[in-house]
Amino acid sequence: MKKINLAVTGCLGRMGQQIIKAAKSDKKFKLVTITENKVTNKKINGIKINLNSEQAFKNANLIIDFSTPKCTLQVLRIASKLKKRVVIGTTGFTKKEEDLIEKFSKKIPILKAGNMSLGINLLMYLTEIASGSLGKSFLTKIFEVHHKHKKDYPSGTALMLGKGIAIGKNKNFYNLIGKKFLNKKTFPYGNKINFNSLRKGEIVGEHEVKFSSGKEIITLNHEAFDRTLYSEGALSAAKWLINKKPGFYSMRDLMNFK
């Protein structure tokens, strides 16, 4: 079995470290490069941490990127030049940056997901179905909980689920974004999608999509208890992407949802 030569960006971050650990115990992968966006003399598993560069990525078959939007676009410029496949788990992109990523996918295979959990991607699929089936009489809102260290809000997963609602309604997601609350005990439904984010403790992740007609409420939810499910999902995405042609893919394609 030929191993996948793997590069991991954002290697000092929570997910970067988790992916390195998971890849070490998966015989399908050989970790060849780890990078950060700052100079450091640290090593992980005996591998020196590099800056993102052509030299750093030249021996990799595939790059898994959990970093920052600015860093991701830097990685994609290099990967596009070197014809390397990229799995993106980074979140917080603007509409302009999302469009740029899709542009890069015309040259190289890219799989991008706001969440690598198979369960969350099933939840998004169900959200699309519910949103399309329930129609205009149901208002929506999304609630998410993460650990106290998470800075961005709403989470990338919450936004991903919001896109699921928009897809079901056949609407532009960016025109449906409502109010964004932080650490509120309660928050309202809206004609647009309202979000509430709670940051506390060391919670891995909880997400809830609610639809209300005023007479009934439908709730779809997911709870994550172990961060390894994200790294396992990212490695599954890498194995799937390694044989794909240039294109813009998602976990939905991996899971073969129609």
Protein backbone atom coordinates (compact mmCIF):
# COMPACT_ATOMS: atom_id res chain seq x y z
CA MET A 1 0.00 0.00 0.00
CA LYS A 2 1.54 3.32 -1.11
CA LYS A 3 1.53 5.89 1.68
CA ILE A 4 0.23 9.43 1.30
CA ASN A 5 3.00 11.96 2.00
CA LEU A 6 1.17 14.39 4.25
CA ALA A 7 1.75 18.05 5.10
CA VAL A 8 -0.10 19.64 8.03
CA THR A 9 -0.40 23.43 8.34
CA GLY A 10 -1.28 25.23 11.56
CA CYS A 11 0.62 22.45 13.31
CA LEU A 12 0.72 24.16 16.72
CA GLY A 13 -3.04 24.67 16.81
CA ARG A 14 -5.46 22.28 18.51
CA MET A 15 -6.59 20.61 15.31
CA GLY A 16 -3.12 20.61 13.78
CA GLN A 17 -1.74 18.72 16.76
CA GLN A 18 -4.67 16.31 16.72
CA ILE A 19 -4.23 15.53 13.02
CA ILE A 20 -0.50 14.92 13.50
CA LYS A 21 -1.28 12.50 16.32
CA ALA A 22 -3.97 10.69 14.28
CA ALA A 23 -1.78 10.48 11.15
CA LYS A 24 1.05 8.93 13.17
CA SER A 25 -1.16 5.96 14.05
CA ASP A 26 -2.64 5.58 10.53
CA LYS A 27 -0.51 3.39 8.26
CA LYS A 28 -1.89 5.10 5.16
CA PHE A 29 0.02 8.31 5.93
CA LYS A 30 3.62 9.44 6.18
CA LEU A 31 4.00 12.87 7.79
CA VAL A 32 6.64 14.75 5.78
CA THR A 33 6.01 18.44 6.53
CA ILE A 34 4.49 20.58 9.27
CA THR A 35 4.14 24.35 9.04
CA GLU A 36 3.17 27.46 10.97
CA ASN A 37 2.90 31.09 9.92
CA LYS A 38 5.65 32.18 12.32
CA VAL A 39 9.30 31.24 12.76
CA THR A 40 9.94 28.75 15.60
CA ASN A 41 12.70 26.35 16.54
CA LYS A 42 10.26 23.75 17.86
CA LYS A 43 9.97 20.23 16.48
CA ILE A 44 7.05 17.79 16.56
CA ASN A 45 7.78 14.06 16.26
CA GLY A 46 11.33 15.02 15.28
CA ILE A 47 10.09 17.12 12.33
CA LYS A 48 11.14 20.76 12.16
CA ILE A 49 8.35 23.31 11.86
CA ASN A 50 8.63 25.27 8.60
CA LEU A 51 7.01 28.38 7.18
CA ASN A 52 4.64 27.82 4.25
CA SER A 53 6.77 27.65 1.11
CA GLU A 54 7.32 25.68 -2.08
CA GLN A 55 10.32 24.04 -0.44
CA ALA A 56 8.22 22.94 2.56
CA PHE A 57 5.46 21.35 0.45
CA LYS A 58 7.43 19.90 -2.48
CA ASN A 59 7.57 16.33 -1.09
CA ALA A 60 3.92 16.23 0.04
CA ASN A 61 1.11 14.57 -1.94
CA LEU A 62 -1.58 16.31 0.06
CA ILE A 63 -1.91 19.21 2.53
CA ILE A 64 -4.39 19.31 5.43
CA ASP A 65 -4.99 22.92 6.42
CA PHE A 66 -6.46 24.03 9.75
CA SER A 67 -5.07 27.54 10.10
CA THR A 68 -6.44 31.03 9.37
CA PRO A 69 -8.09 32.36 6.19
CA LYS A 70 -5.01 34.44 5.31
CA CYS A 71 -2.74 31.43 5.80
CA THR A 72 -5.06 29.11 3.84
CA LEU A 73 -4.97 31.37 0.78
CA GLN A 74 -1.17 31.48 1.02
CA VAL A 75 -1.12 27.66 1.15
CA LEU A 76 -3.47 27.43 -1.86
CA ARG A 77 -1.26 29.72 -3.96
CA ILE A 78 1.70 27.41 -3.31
CA ALA A 79 -0.33 24.20 -3.67
CA SER A 80 -1.80 25.42 -6.96
CA LYS A 81 1.69 26.03 -8.35
CA LEU A 82 2.96 22.62 -7.16
CA LYS A 83 -0.28 20.76 -8.09
CA LYS A 84 -0.88 19.49 -4.54
CA ARG A 85 -4.26 18.37 -3.19
CA VAL A 86 -5.64 20.33 -0.20
CA VAL A 87 -8.16 19.47 2.53
CA ILE A 88 -9.37 22.68 4.20
CA GLY A 89 -10.87 22.71 7.69
CA THR A 90 -10.18 26.40 8.31
CA THR A 91 -13.26 28.58 8.92
CA GLY A 92 -14.11 32.29 8.96
CA PHE A 93 -13.72 33.06 5.24
CA THR A 94 -15.37 36.08 3.63
CA LYS A 95 -17.50 35.68 0.48
CA LYS A 96 -14.58 37.03 -1.58
CA GLU A 97 -12.19 34.48 -0.03
CA GLU A 98 -14.68 31.65 -0.63
CA ASP A 99 -14.81 32.65 -4.30
CA LEU A 100 -11.00 32.61 -4.47
CA ILE A 101 -10.90 29.08 -3.05
CA GLU A 102 -13.33 27.89 -5.72
CA LYS A 103 -11.09 29.51 -8.33
CA PHE A 104 -8.08 27.53 -7.07
CA SER A 105 -10.12 24.32 -7.30
CA LYS A 106 -10.13 24.62 -11.08
CA LYS A 107 -6.40 23.79 -10.94
CA ILE A 108 -6.16 21.37 -7.99
CA PRO A 109 -8.52 19.05 -6.04
CA ILE A 110 -9.80 20.84 -2.92
CA LEU A 111 -12.10 19.44 -0.25
CA LYS A 112 -13.41 22.11 2.10
CA ALA A 113 -15.65 21.57 5.12
CA GLY A 114 -16.64 23.85 8.00
CA ASN A 115 -16.72 20.67 10.06
CA MET A 116 -15.05 17.31 9.36
CA SER A 117 -17.48 15.29 11.50
CA LEU A 118 -19.55 12.79 9.52
CA GLY A 119 -22.43 13.39 11.96
CA ILE A 120 -22.40 17.16 11.41
CA ASN A 121 -22.41 16.70 7.66
CA LEU A 122 -25.42 14.39 8.00
CA LEU A 123 -27.05 17.11 10.16
CA MET A 124 -26.50 19.66 7.40
CA TYR A 125 -28.11 17.31 4.87
CA LEU A 126 -31.13 16.88 7.16
CA THR A 127 -31.24 20.67 7.68
CA GLU A 128 -31.49 21.20 3.94
CA ILE A 129 -34.33 18.69 3.69
CA ALA A 130 -36.22 20.19 6.65
CA SER A 131 -35.77 23.75 5.39
CA GLY A 132 -37.03 22.86 1.93
CA SER A 133 -39.97 20.87 3.26
CA LEU A 134 -41.22 23.25 5.95
CA GLY A 135 -41.54 26.34 3.76
CA LYS A 136 -41.94 30.05 4.54
CA SER A 137 -44.24 29.67 7.55
CA PHE A 138 -41.34 28.39 9.70
CA LEU A 139 -38.81 30.80 11.19
CA THR A 140 -35.29 29.62 12.03
CA LYS A 141 -32.42 30.08 14.46
CA ILE A 142 -29.14 28.31 15.22
CA PHE A 143 -27.51 27.80 18.63
CA GLU A 144 -23.93 26.60 19.16
CA VAL A 145 -21.68 25.97 22.18
CA HIS A 146 -17.89 25.68 22.17
CA HIS A 147 -14.99 25.80 24.62
CA LYS A 148 -13.98 29.14 26.17
CA HIS A 149 -10.81 29.33 24.02
CA LYS A 150 -12.72 29.64 20.73
CA LYS A 151 -12.59 33.26 19.57
CA ASP A 152 -14.71 33.36 16.42
CA TYR A 153 -18.50 33.36 16.49
CA PRO A 154 -20.77 32.07 15.09
CA SER A 155 -18.72 28.93 14.60
CA GLY A 156 -17.86 27.76 11.09
CA THR A 157 -20.20 24.83 11.67
CA ALA A 158 -23.09 27.11 12.66
CA LEU A 159 -22.56 29.10 9.46
CA MET A 160 -22.37 25.86 7.51
CA LEU A 161 -25.76 24.82 8.95
CA GLY A 162 -27.10 28.27 8.08
CA LYS A 163 -26.08 27.59 4.49
CA GLY A 164 -28.05 24.34 4.75
CA ILE A 165 -31.15 26.35 5.64
CA ALA A 166 -30.50 28.70 2.71
CA ILE A 167 -29.99 25.82 0.26
CA GLY A 168 -33.30 24.30 1.38
CA LYS A 169 -35.05 27.62 0.74
CA ASN A 170 -33.15 28.09 -2.54
CA LYS A 171 -31.89 31.46 -1.25
CA ASN A 172 -28.53 33.21 -1.06
CA PHE A 173 -27.10 32.47 2.40
CA TYR A 174 -25.42 35.86 2.78
CA ASN A 175 -28.80 37.57 2.28
CA LEU A 176 -30.32 35.37 5.01
CA ILE A 177 -27.81 36.09 7.80
CA GLY A 178 -29.64 37.71 10.71
CA LYS A 179 -28.42 38.81 14.12
CA LYS A 180 -25.35 37.27 15.79
CA PHE A 181 -25.56 36.98 19.57
CA LEU A 182 -22.86 35.93 22.05
CA ASN A 183 -23.55 34.25 25.41
CA LYS A 184 -27.27 35.11 25.49
CA LYS A 185 -29.62 32.94 27.57
CA THR A 186 -32.39 33.33 25.01
CA PHE A 187 -32.59 34.74 21.48
CA PRO A 188 -35.42 35.16 18.97
CA TYR A 189 -36.43 33.40 15.79
CA GLY A 190 -36.39 35.60 12.70
CA ASN A 191 -37.33 35.87 9.04
CA LYS A 192 -33.56 35.75 8.63
CA ILE A 193 -31.35 33.20 10.42
CA ASN A 194 -30.38 34.38 13.91
CA PHE A 195 -27.33 32.87 15.64
CA ASN A 196 -26.43 32.56 19.32
CA SER A 197 -22.96 31.40 20.42
CA LEU A 198 -22.05 30.26 23.91
CA ARG A 199 -18.42 29.98 25.05
CA LYS A 200 -17.77 28.03 28.24
CA GLY A 201 -15.57 25.34 29.78
CA GLU A 202 -13.88 22.80 27.52
CA ILE A 203 -16.94 21.77 25.47
CA VAL A 204 -15.92 20.20 22.15
CA GLY A 205 -19.02 21.32 20.26
CA GLU A 206 -22.81 21.42 20.33
CA HIS A 207 -25.01 22.63 17.47
CA GLU A 208 -28.77 23.03 17.26
CA VAL A 209 -30.98 24.08 14.35
CA LYS A 210 -34.54 25.07 15.25
CA PHE A 211 -37.59 25.67 13.04
CA SER A 212 -40.74 27.24 14.51
CA SER A 213 -44.16 27.97 13.04
CA GLY A 214 -45.42 29.42 16.32
CA LYS A 215 -47.54 26.29 16.77
CA GLU A 216 -44.75 23.69 16.71
CA ILE A 217 -40.96 23.51 16.87
CA ILE A 218 -38.66 21.08 15.05
CA THR A 219 -35.14 20.71 16.48
CA LEU A 220 -32.13 19.08 14.84
CA ASN A 221 -29.04 18.78 16.99
CA HIS A 222 -25.57 17.26 17.29
CA GLU A 223 -23.16 16.93 20.22
CA ALA A 224 -19.46 16.12 19.91
CA PHE A 225 -17.68 14.57 22.89
CA ASP A 226 -14.26 13.75 21.45
CA ARG A 227 -12.12 16.01 19.25
CA THR A 228 -10.61 12.98 17.49
CA LEU A 229 -13.75 12.67 15.36
CA TYR A 230 -12.63 15.82 13.52
CA SER A 231 -9.10 14.56 12.84
CA GLU A 232 -10.46 11.16 11.76
CA GLY A 233 -12.85 12.96 9.41
CA ALA A 234 -9.99 15.04 7.96
CA LEU A 235 -7.89 11.93 7.32
CA SER A 236 -10.89 10.20 5.69
CA ALA A 237 -11.27 13.27 3.47
CA ALA A 238 -7.56 13.08 2.56
CA LYS A 239 -7.80 9.40 1.59
CA TRP A 240 -10.84 10.14 -0.57
CA LEU A 241 -9.37 13.23 -2.23
CA ILE A 242 -6.04 11.66 -3.17
CA ASN A 243 -7.54 10.03 -6.30
CA LYS A 244 -9.76 12.91 -7.40
CA LYS A 245 -9.37 15.29 -10.33
CA PRO A 246 -9.26 19.09 -9.85
CA GLY A 247 -12.55 20.32 -8.44
CA PHE A 248 -14.27 21.79 -5.39
CA TYR A 249 -15.46 19.01 -3.09
CA SER A 250 -17.13 18.70 0.32
CA MET A 251 -17.77 16.00 2.92
CA ARG A 252 -21.13 15.66 1.19
CA ASP A 253 -19.34 14.24 -1.85
CA LEU A 254 -17.33 11.85 0.34
CA MET A 255 -20.52 10.62 2.02
CA ASN A 256 -22.25 10.30 -1.37
CA PHE A 257 -25.27 12.43 -0.48
CA LYS A 258 -27.34 13.32 -3.52
